[in-house]
Structures are given as structure tokens and as C-alpha cells.
C-alpha atoms as a PDB file:
ATOM      1  CA  MET A   1       2.864 -20.313 -13.095  1.00  0.00           C
ATOM      2  CA  ASN A   2      -0.352 -18.325 -13.034  1.00  0.00           C
ATOM      3  CA  LYS A   3       0.148 -14.617 -13.760  1.00  0.00           C
ATOM      4  CA  THR A   4      -3.439 -13.633 -14.043  1.00  0.00           C
ATOM      5  CA  ILE A   5      -4.589 -10.982 -11.294  1.00  0.00           C
ATOM      6  CA  ASP A   6      -8.040 -10.574 -10.126  1.00  0.00           C
ATOM      7  CA  ILE A   7      -8.644  -6.811  -9.724  1.00  0.00           C
ATOM      8  CA  GLN A   8     -11.213  -5.443  -7.177  1.00  0.00           C
ATOM      9  CA  ASP A   9     -12.143  -1.842  -6.140  1.00  0.00           C
ATOM     10  CA  LEU A  10     -13.654  -2.178  -2.745  1.00  0.00           C
ATOM     11  CA  GLY A  11     -14.508   1.527  -2.629  1.00  0.00           C
ATOM     12  CA  TYR A  12     -14.895   3.074   0.869  1.00  0.00           C
ATOM     13  CA  LYS A  13     -14.387   0.301   3.364  1.00  0.00           C
ATOM     14  CA  ASP A  14     -13.548  -0.040   7.092  1.00  0.00           C
ATOM     15  CA  TYR A  15     -10.003  -1.068   7.670  1.00  0.00           C
ATOM     16  CA  LYS A  16     -10.530  -4.073   9.887  1.00  0.00           C
ATOM     17  CA  ASP A  17     -13.206  -5.434   7.361  1.00  0.00           C
ATOM     18  CA  THR A  18     -10.626  -5.066   4.596  1.00  0.00           C
ATOM     19  CA  TRP A  19      -7.789  -6.654   6.737  1.00  0.00           C
ATOM     20  CA  ASP A  20      -9.984  -9.638   7.349  1.00  0.00           C
ATOM     21  CA  TYR A  21     -10.770  -9.924   3.792  1.00  0.00           C
ATOM     22  CA  GLN A  22      -7.006  -9.747   2.795  1.00  0.00           C
ATOM     23  CA  GLU A  23      -6.429 -12.401   5.457  1.00  0.00           C
ATOM     24  CA  GLU A  24      -8.964 -14.704   3.694  1.00  0.00           C
ATOM     25  CA  LEU A  25      -7.384 -14.370   0.223  1.00  0.00           C
ATOM     26  CA  PHE A  26      -4.024 -14.791   1.734  1.00  0.00           C
ATOM     27  CA  LYS A  27      -4.979 -18.020   3.701  1.00  0.00           C
ATOM     28  CA  ALA A  28      -6.580 -19.430   0.507  1.00  0.00           C
ATOM     29  CA  ILE A  29      -3.310 -19.046  -1.444  1.00  0.00           C
ATOM     30  CA  VAL A  30      -1.213 -20.502   1.341  1.00  0.00           C
ATOM     31  CA  ASP A  31      -3.544 -23.479   1.980  1.00  0.00           C
ATOM     32  CA  THR A  32      -3.279 -24.246  -1.814  1.00  0.00           C
ATOM     33  CA  LYS A  33       0.473 -24.100  -1.671  1.00  0.00           C
ATOM     34  CA  ILE A  34       0.581 -26.427   1.335  1.00  0.00           C
ATOM     35  CA  LYS A  35      -1.837 -28.897  -0.268  1.00  0.00           C
ATOM     36  CA  ASN A  36       0.393 -28.924  -3.364  1.00  0.00           C
ATOM     37  CA  ARG A  37       3.482 -29.764  -1.543  1.00  0.00           C
ATOM     38  CA  ARG A  38       2.011 -32.264   0.897  1.00  0.00           C
ATOM     39  CA  GLU A  39      -0.162 -34.107  -1.711  1.00  0.00           C
ATOM     40  CA  GLY A  40       2.021 -33.638  -4.746  1.00  0.00           C
ATOM     41  CA  THR A  41      -0.869 -31.903  -6.506  1.00  0.00           C
ATOM     42  CA  ASP A  42      -0.314 -28.924  -8.988  1.00  0.00           C
ATOM     43  CA  LEU A  43      -3.237 -26.635  -8.289  1.00  0.00           C
ATOM     44  CA  GLN A  44      -2.858 -22.989  -9.449  1.00  0.00           C
ATOM     45  CA  THR A  45      -2.614 -20.275  -6.842  1.00  0.00           C
ATOM     46  CA  SER A  46      -4.585 -17.118  -7.412  1.00  0.00           C
ATOM     47  CA  ASN A  47      -3.409 -13.463  -7.360  1.00  0.00           C
ATOM     48  CA  HIS A  48      -5.293 -10.456  -6.259  1.00  0.00           C
ATOM     49  CA  PHE A  49      -5.138  -6.628  -6.247  1.00  0.00           C
ATOM     50  CA  LEU A  50      -7.357  -4.665  -4.048  1.00  0.00           C
ATOM     51  CA  PHE A  51      -7.915  -0.889  -4.362  1.00  0.00           C
ATOM     52  CA  VAL A  52      -9.618   0.564  -1.206  1.00  0.00           C
ATOM     53  CA  GLU A  53     -10.261   3.994   0.482  1.00  0.00           C
ATOM     54  CA  HIS A  54     -10.385   3.768   4.274  1.00  0.00           C
ATOM     55  CA  PRO A  55     -12.190   5.955   6.879  1.00  0.00           C
ATOM     56  CA  HIS A  56      -9.492   7.715   9.097  1.00  0.00           C
ATOM     57  CA  VAL A  57      -7.299   5.118  10.690  1.00  0.00           C
ATOM     58  CA  TYR A  58      -3.741   4.675  12.044  1.00  0.00           C
ATOM     59  CA  THR A  59      -1.961   1.472  11.726  1.00  0.00           C
ATOM     60  CA  LEU A  60       1.331   0.286  13.468  1.00  0.00           C
ATOM     61  CA  GLY A  61       3.493  -2.359  11.985  1.00  0.00           C
ATOM     62  CA  LYS A  62       4.823  -5.364  14.008  1.00  0.00           C
ATOM     63  CA  SER A  63       8.189  -3.703  14.548  1.00  0.00           C
ATOM     64  CA  GLY A  64       6.711  -0.124  15.167  1.00  0.00           C
ATOM     65  CA  ASP A  65       6.911   2.102  18.260  1.00  0.00           C
ATOM     66  CA  LEU A  66       3.599   3.000  19.832  1.00  0.00           C
ATOM     67  CA  SER A  67       5.002   6.268  20.959  1.00  0.00           C
ATOM     68  CA  ASN A  68       4.903   7.439  17.338  1.00  0.00           C
ATOM     69  CA  LEU A  69       1.182   7.757  17.808  1.00  0.00           C
ATOM     70  CA  LEU A  70       0.665  11.135  19.365  1.00  0.00           C
ATOM     71  CA  LEU A  71      -2.975  10.624  20.363  1.00  0.00           C
ATOM     72  CA  ASN A  72      -4.706   8.900  23.217  1.00  0.00           C
ATOM     73  CA  GLU A  73      -7.943   6.895  22.878  1.00  0.00           C
ATOM     74  CA  THR A  74     -10.097  10.014  23.566  1.00  0.00           C
ATOM     75  CA  GLN A  75      -8.318  12.126  21.097  1.00  0.00           C
ATOM     76  CA  LEU A  76      -8.630   9.470  18.446  1.00  0.00           C
ATOM     77  CA  LYS A  77     -12.433   9.234  19.029  1.00  0.00           C
ATOM     78  CA  SER A  78     -12.678  12.923  18.742  1.00  0.00           C
ATOM     79  CA  LYS A  79     -11.052  12.884  15.305  1.00  0.00           C
ATOM     80  CA  GLY A  80     -13.302  10.122  14.085  1.00  0.00           C
ATOM     81  CA  ALA A  81     -10.179   7.784  13.731  1.00  0.00           C
ATOM     82  CA  THR A  82      -9.389   4.234  14.776  1.00  0.00           C
ATOM     83  CA  PHE A  83      -6.056   2.450  15.486  1.00  0.00           C
ATOM     84  CA  TYR A  84      -4.868  -1.048  14.899  1.00  0.00           C
ATOM     85  CA  LYS A  85      -1.630  -2.813  15.501  1.00  0.00           C
ATOM     86  CA  ILE A  86      -1.104  -5.174  12.500  1.00  0.00           C
ATOM     87  CA  ASN A  87       1.059  -7.760  11.037  1.00  0.00           C
ATOM     88  CA  ARG A  88       2.918  -6.011   8.187  1.00  0.00           C
ATOM     89  CA  GLY A  89       6.415  -4.528   8.340  1.00  0.00           C
ATOM     90  CA  GLY A  90       7.193  -0.834   8.968  1.00  0.00           C
ATOM     91  CA  ASP A  91       6.107   1.612  11.630  1.00  0.00           C
ATOM     92  CA  ILE A  92       3.051   3.860  11.883  1.00  0.00           C
ATOM     93  CA  THR A  93       1.215   5.267   9.058  1.00  0.00           C
ATOM     94  CA  TYR A  94      -2.270   6.885   8.316  1.00  0.00           C
ATOM     95  CA  HIS A  95      -5.008   5.924   5.867  1.00  0.00           C
ATOM     96  CA  GLY A  96      -8.073   8.054   5.198  1.00  0.00           C
ATOM     97  CA  PRO A  97     -10.130   9.715   2.508  1.00  0.00           C
ATOM     98  CA  GLY A  98      -8.500  10.889  -0.673  1.00  0.00           C
ATOM     99  CA  GLN A  99      -5.820   8.337  -0.310  1.00  0.00           C
ATOM    100  CA  ILE A 100      -5.513   5.396  -2.909  1.00  0.00           C
ATOM    101  CA  VAL A 101      -4.645   2.290  -0.894  1.00  0.00           C
ATOM    102  CA  GLY A 102      -3.447  -0.892  -2.796  1.00  0.00           C
ATOM    103  CA  TYR A 103      -3.187  -4.363  -1.374  1.00  0.00           C
ATOM    104  CA  PRO A 104      -1.580  -6.794  -3.933  1.00  0.00           C
ATOM    105  CA  ILE A 105      -2.089 -10.371  -2.465  1.00  0.00           C
ATOM    106  CA  LEU A 106       0.152 -12.350  -4.786  1.00  0.00           C
ATOM    107  CA  ASP A 107       1.904 -15.682  -4.909  1.00  0.00           C
ATOM    108  CA  LEU A 108       5.354 -14.305  -5.845  1.00  0.00           C
ATOM    109  CA  GLU A 109       6.296 -17.902  -6.969  1.00  0.00           C
ATOM    110  CA  ASN A 110       4.002 -16.984 -10.105  1.00  0.00           C
ATOM    111  CA  PHE A 111       6.394 -14.018 -10.811  1.00  0.00           C
ATOM    112  CA  PHE A 112       9.791 -13.994  -8.955  1.00  0.00           C
ATOM    113  CA  THR A 113      10.929 -15.021  -5.424  1.00  0.00           C
ATOM    114  CA  ASP A 114      12.597 -11.721  -4.316  1.00  0.00           C
ATOM    115  CA  ILE A 115      10.823  -9.482  -1.609  1.00  0.00           C
ATOM    116  CA  HIS A 116      13.379  -6.751  -2.275  1.00  0.00           C
ATOM    117  CA  LYS A 117      12.420  -6.824  -6.023  1.00  0.00           C
ATOM    118  CA  TYR A 118       8.820  -6.776  -5.122  1.00  0.00           C
ATOM    119  CA  LEU A 119       8.961  -3.639  -3.158  1.00  0.00           C
ATOM    120  CA  ARG A 120      11.215  -1.829  -5.664  1.00  0.00           C
ATOM    121  CA  PHE A 121       8.619  -2.795  -8.292  1.00  0.00           C
ATOM    122  CA  LEU A 122       5.783  -1.240  -6.169  1.00  0.00           C
ATOM    123  CA  GLU A 123       7.781   1.885  -5.722  1.00  0.00           C
ATOM    124  CA  GLU A 124       8.522   1.995  -9.548  1.00  0.00           C
ATOM    125  CA  MET A 125       4.714   1.723 -10.139  1.00  0.00           C
ATOM    126  CA  ILE A 126       4.216   4.750  -8.116  1.00  0.00           C
ATOM    127  CA  ILE A 127       7.183   6.739  -9.615  1.00  0.00           C
ATOM    128  CA  LEU A 128       5.889   6.002 -13.210  1.00  0.00           C
ATOM    129  CA  THR A 129       2.424   6.941 -12.398  1.00  0.00           C
ATOM    130  CA  LEU A 130       3.470  10.312 -10.839  1.00  0.00           C
ATOM    131  CA  ALA A 131       5.695  10.959 -13.777  1.00  0.00           C
ATOM    132  CA  GLU A 132       2.531  10.953 -15.878  1.00  0.00           C
ATOM    133  CA  TYR A 133       1.399  14.076 -13.869  1.00  0.00           C
ATOM    134  CA  GLY A 134       4.758  15.768 -14.306  1.00  0.00           C
ATOM    135  CA  VAL A 135       5.765  15.026 -10.762  1.00  0.00           C
ATOM    136  CA  LYS A 136       9.369  13.744 -10.287  1.00  0.00           C
ATOM    137  CA  SER A 137       9.516  11.316  -7.395  1.00  0.00           C
ATOM    138  CA  GLU A 138      12.170   8.801  -6.279  1.00  0.00           C
ATOM    139  CA  ARG A 139      13.336   6.399  -3.712  1.00  0.00           C
ATOM    140  CA  SER A 140      15.111   7.464  -0.523  1.00  0.00           C
ATOM    141  CA  PRO A 141      18.056   5.233   0.575  1.00  0.00           C
ATOM    142  CA  GLY A 142      17.090   3.213   3.470  1.00  0.00           C
ATOM    143  CA  GLU A 143      13.508   4.346   3.603  1.00  0.00           C
ATOM    144  CA  THR A 144      10.810   2.258   1.794  1.00  0.00           C
ATOM    145  CA  GLY A 145       8.178   4.243  -0.169  1.00  0.00           C
ATOM    146  CA  VAL A 146       8.193   7.057  -2.570  1.00  0.00           C
ATOM    147  CA  TRP A 147       9.514  10.629  -1.976  1.00  0.00           C
ATOM    148  CA  LEU A 148      10.068  14.011  -3.473  1.00  0.00           C
ATOM    149  CA  ASP A 149      13.077  16.094  -3.294  1.00  0.00           C
ATOM    150  CA  VAL A 150      15.174  13.544  -1.628  1.00  0.00           C
ATOM    151  CA  GLY A 151      18.460  14.873  -0.092  1.00  0.00           C
ATOM    152  CA  THR A 152      17.106  18.311   0.325  1.00  0.00           C
ATOM    153  CA  PRO A 153      15.565  20.220   3.253  1.00  0.00           C
ATOM    154  CA  PHE A 154      12.211  19.909   1.405  1.00  0.00           C
ATOM    155  CA  ALA A 155      12.137  16.114   1.268  1.00  0.00           C
ATOM    156  CA  ARG A 156       8.536  14.752   1.566  1.00  0.00           C
ATOM    157  CA  LYS A 157       6.826  11.458   1.282  1.00  0.00           C
ATOM    158  CA  ILE A 158       3.982  10.928  -1.060  1.00  0.00           C
ATOM    159  CA  CYS A 159       3.523   7.310  -0.757  1.00  0.00           C
ATOM    160  CA  ALA A 160       4.078   4.771   2.200  1.00  0.00           C
ATOM    161  CA  MET A 161       4.604   1.028   1.932  1.00  0.00           C
ATOM    162  CA  GLY A 162       4.451  -1.868   4.240  1.00  0.00           C
ATOM    163  CA  VAL A 163       4.077  -5.405   3.348  1.00  0.00           C
ATOM    164  CA  ARG A 164       3.840  -8.885   4.803  1.00  0.00           C
ATOM    165  CA  ALA A 165       5.064 -12.115   3.062  1.00  0.00           C
ATOM    166  CA  SER A 166       4.949 -15.736   4.101  1.00  0.00           C
ATOM    167  CA  ARG A 167       5.563 -18.761   1.799  1.00  0.00           C
ATOM    168  CA  TRP A 168       6.098 -16.132  -0.896  1.00  0.00           C
ATOM    169  CA  VAL A 169       2.544 -14.796  -0.543  1.00  0.00           C
ATOM    170  CA  THR A 170       2.134 -11.090   0.003  1.00  0.00           C
ATOM    171  CA  MET A 171      -0.364  -8.913   1.641  1.00  0.00           C
ATOM    172  CA  HIS A 172      -0.870  -5.353   2.712  1.00  0.00           C
ATOM    173  CA  GLY A 173       0.835  -2.865   0.298  1.00  0.00           C
ATOM    174  CA  PHE A 174       0.949   0.998  -0.509  1.00  0.00           C
ATOM    175  CA  ALA A 175      -0.909   4.125   0.482  1.00  0.00           C
ATOM    176  CA  LEU A 176      -0.651   6.869  -2.162  1.00  0.00           C
ATOM    177  CA  ASN A 177      -1.807  10.353  -1.011  1.00  0.00           C
ATOM    178  CA  VAL A 178      -3.790  11.883  -3.959  1.00  0.00           C
ATOM    179  CA  ASN A 179      -6.408  14.121  -2.277  1.00  0.00           C
ATOM    180  CA  ALA A 180      -5.478  13.436   1.329  1.00  0.00           C
ATOM    181  CA  ASP A 181      -6.173  15.671   4.395  1.00  0.00           C
ATOM    182  CA  LEU A 182      -2.473  15.976   5.480  1.00  0.00           C
ATOM    183  CA  GLY A 183      -3.537  17.445   8.917  1.00  0.00           C
ATOM    184  CA  TYR A 184      -4.094  13.776  10.059  1.00  0.00           C
ATOM    185  CA  PHE A 185      -0.332  13.083   9.649  1.00  0.00           C
ATOM    186  CA  ASP A 186       0.354  15.763  12.492  1.00  0.00           C
ATOM    187  CA  ASN A 187      -0.980  13.175  14.895  1.00  0.00           C
ATOM    188  CA  ILE A 188       1.899  10.613  14.316  1.00  0.00           C
ATOM    189  CA  ILE A 189       5.572  10.459  13.511  1.00  0.00           C
ATOM    190  CA  PRO A 190       5.006   8.948  10.047  1.00  0.00           C
ATOM    191  CA  CYS A 191       6.920   5.670   9.585  1.00  0.00           C
ATOM    192  CA  GLY A 192       8.753   6.765  12.668  1.00  0.00           C
ATOM    193  CA  ILE A 193      10.891   9.152  10.748  1.00  0.00           C
ATOM    194  CA  ARG A 194      11.138  12.696  12.410  1.00  0.00           C
ATOM    195  CA  GLY A 195      11.684  15.925  10.655  1.00  0.00           C
ATOM    196  CA  LYS A 196      10.336  14.858   7.138  1.00  0.00           C
ATOM    197  CA  ALA A 197       6.975  16.015   5.680  1.00  0.00           C
ATOM    198  CA  VAL A 198       4.436  14.412   3.755  1.00  0.00           C
ATOM    199  CA  THR A 199       2.646  15.565   0.772  1.00  0.00           C
ATOM    200  CA  SER A 200      -0.307  14.725  -1.586  1.00  0.00           C
ATOM    201  CA  LEU A 201      -0.710  14.760  -5.388  1.00  0.00           C
ATOM    202  CA  ASN A 202      -3.242  17.473  -5.595  1.00  0.00           C
ATOM    203  CA  LEU A 203      -0.976  19.758  -3.468  1.00  0.00           C
ATOM    204  CA  GLU A 204       1.909  19.115  -5.668  1.00  0.00           C
ATOM    205  CA  LEU A 205      -0.229  19.891  -8.813  1.00  0.00           C
ATOM    206  CA  GLY A 206      -1.862  22.961  -7.203  1.00  0.00           C
ATOM    207  CA  VAL A 207      -5.361  21.669  -7.730  1.00  0.00           C
ATOM    208  CA  GLU A 208      -8.268  21.087  -5.441  1.00  0.00           C
ATOM    209  CA  LYS A 209      -8.889  17.447  -6.546  1.00  0.00           C
ATOM    210  CA  VAL A 210      -7.221  14.841  -8.756  1.00  0.00           C
ATOM    211  CA  ASP A 211      -9.359  12.297 -10.580  1.00  0.00           C
ATOM    212  CA  GLU A 212      -8.710   9.161  -8.339  1.00  0.00           C
ATOM    213  CA  VAL A 213     -10.248   6.794 -11.013  1.00  0.00           C
ATOM    214  CA  GLN A 214      -7.685   7.953 -13.484  1.00  0.00           C
ATOM    215  CA  VAL A 215      -4.833   7.514 -11.077  1.00  0.00           C
ATOM    216  CA  LYS A 216      -5.819   3.955 -10.297  1.00  0.00           C
ATOM    217  CA  ALA A 217      -6.000   3.159 -14.099  1.00  0.00           C
ATOM    218  CA  LYS A 218      -2.408   4.388 -14.393  1.00  0.00           C
ATOM    219  CA  LEU A 219      -1.230   2.575 -11.279  1.00  0.00           C
ATOM    220  CA  LEU A 220      -2.749  -0.772 -12.709  1.00  0.00           C
ATOM    221  CA  LYS A 221      -1.201  -0.184 -16.115  1.00  0.00           C
ATOM    222  CA  HIS A 222       2.263   0.107 -14.746  1.00  0.00           C
ATOM    223  CA  PHE A 223       1.765  -2.687 -12.330  1.00  0.00           C
ATOM    224  CA  VAL A 224       0.703  -5.186 -14.995  1.00  0.00           C
ATOM    225  CA  SER A 225       3.683  -4.035 -17.089  1.00  0.00           C
ATOM    226  CA  LEU A 226       6.296  -4.390 -14.421  1.00  0.00           C
ATOM    227  CA  PHE A 227       5.057  -7.725 -13.262  1.00  0.00           C
ATOM    228  CA  GLY A 228       4.205  -9.241 -16.607  1.00  0.00           C
ATOM    229  CA  ALA A 229       0.764  -9.882 -15.295  1.00  0.00           C
ATOM    230  CA  VAL A 230      -2.570 -10.338 -17.042  1.00  0.00           C
ATOM    231  CA  ILE A 231      -5.771  -8.794 -15.693  1.00  0.00           C
ATOM    232  CA  LEU A 232      -8.440 -11.377 -14.896  1.00  0.00           C
ATOM    233  CA  LYS A 233     -11.233  -8.883 -14.043  1.00  0.00           C
ATOM    234  CA  GLU A 234     -11.579  -5.334 -14.755  1.00  0.00           C
ATOM    235  CA  MET A 235     -12.535  -2.960 -12.004  1.00  0.00           C
END
């Protein structure tokens, strides 16, 4: 089993270009696994973790409801935003500047074959990272992602998640609001959940800007620890 992970920080990159790149990495891993099974070879599969920041974009998961997007095409353009219907789970979400997006593209057969555990580990990575800033976050029963003040009238989401997995290979991932413009969430019903707010780390800390490079380093530290992984390439 190959537990090394290639870490890449793609910087500020268009959503569709990043999606295409994810698909390339995903397909390469799946093709290797198919070759191993068909030909009896024992080629190692690779694992990747992409950090990226997207221009304003709304994405709708394969089981999502388009009515949760509250803008028409003209309004999207006026806000400098794009929209894509994509092949991950979950409903609608927003990505944009000030948000750390992470896409682990892993062969889970190198780690464990349990999608539920995989999602819980991603949530735990976020929870442990936020705890380093003194922010107590948690899971909300029946709702993937990471939340604050669950079970109260002040419940708010700080990190959304949506993944795709095939042949135990993952893609898509998480979006953590660090210095996000929360006004863009007003244009959707986030994750299809009505009546619950969203928040950002800088807002919770009462500061103008949080160092995103530092947050990425903390996320990566907890990811490596939880998955028992080895970093192949530093950012």
C-alpha cells in the first residue's frame, strides 16, 4: 500500500480547469487499478491533495436541487460568478476568494475502504485545525460538514464537504471559510438547508484577515496524522 501523498497548492485557479485536472488524476489512479486487476500486475497507485482558491463559483451536486440557486444567468454574470452542475454528492455550495478548498484524490485501498470513515476524518481534520484557533466546532447529525453551536438558534456552517468515490478512489472534497465574503452565500440555500447561517474563521476570531498559509499547514498536519500518510512533496 502506498501512503505517500503528493501535495500541490494550485493557488488561484478557475473551477472548471481545476475540475478537469482532478479528473485527470482520478482517471490515472482508476486506470492503474483496472490494469492491476486485468493483467495481474502490482503497480502502485498514487495519492494527491490539492489546495486551491477559486474565483466566485456555485456548484450543484448530482442529487442537488437547482431551485437552491437563487440567481438567474444574468444575475450570476453581474456578480462575476459562474455555475456548474458537477459529479460530487451533496447539494449546492459556493466557492470563492478567502476560502481554502481542498481536494484529496486518494486511492482509499491504500488507507481503508470506508467512505463514512473518510468523511469523518475530513471533518476531524477541520475540527482539530479550528481548535488550534480556539474555535470549538463539531459535526451536525445528518449533515455533512463542520458547524458551530449545533443544536442552538445560532448554528452556523464553517466548512462544506462533498465527495465522489469510484473503485475506492476519491475526488472533490472540502471548502473551509477562512476570509470568505459571506454575502455570496445569500444567493443560494447552502447545501439545501434552510434557516441555518454560514460563518468564516476571520469573523469568529474578530479579525480582518487570517493567515491562510498557516491554516493550510495546520490542515495538512492533521490530515497526515489522521490518515497515517507521508508527504511526498511539500507545497
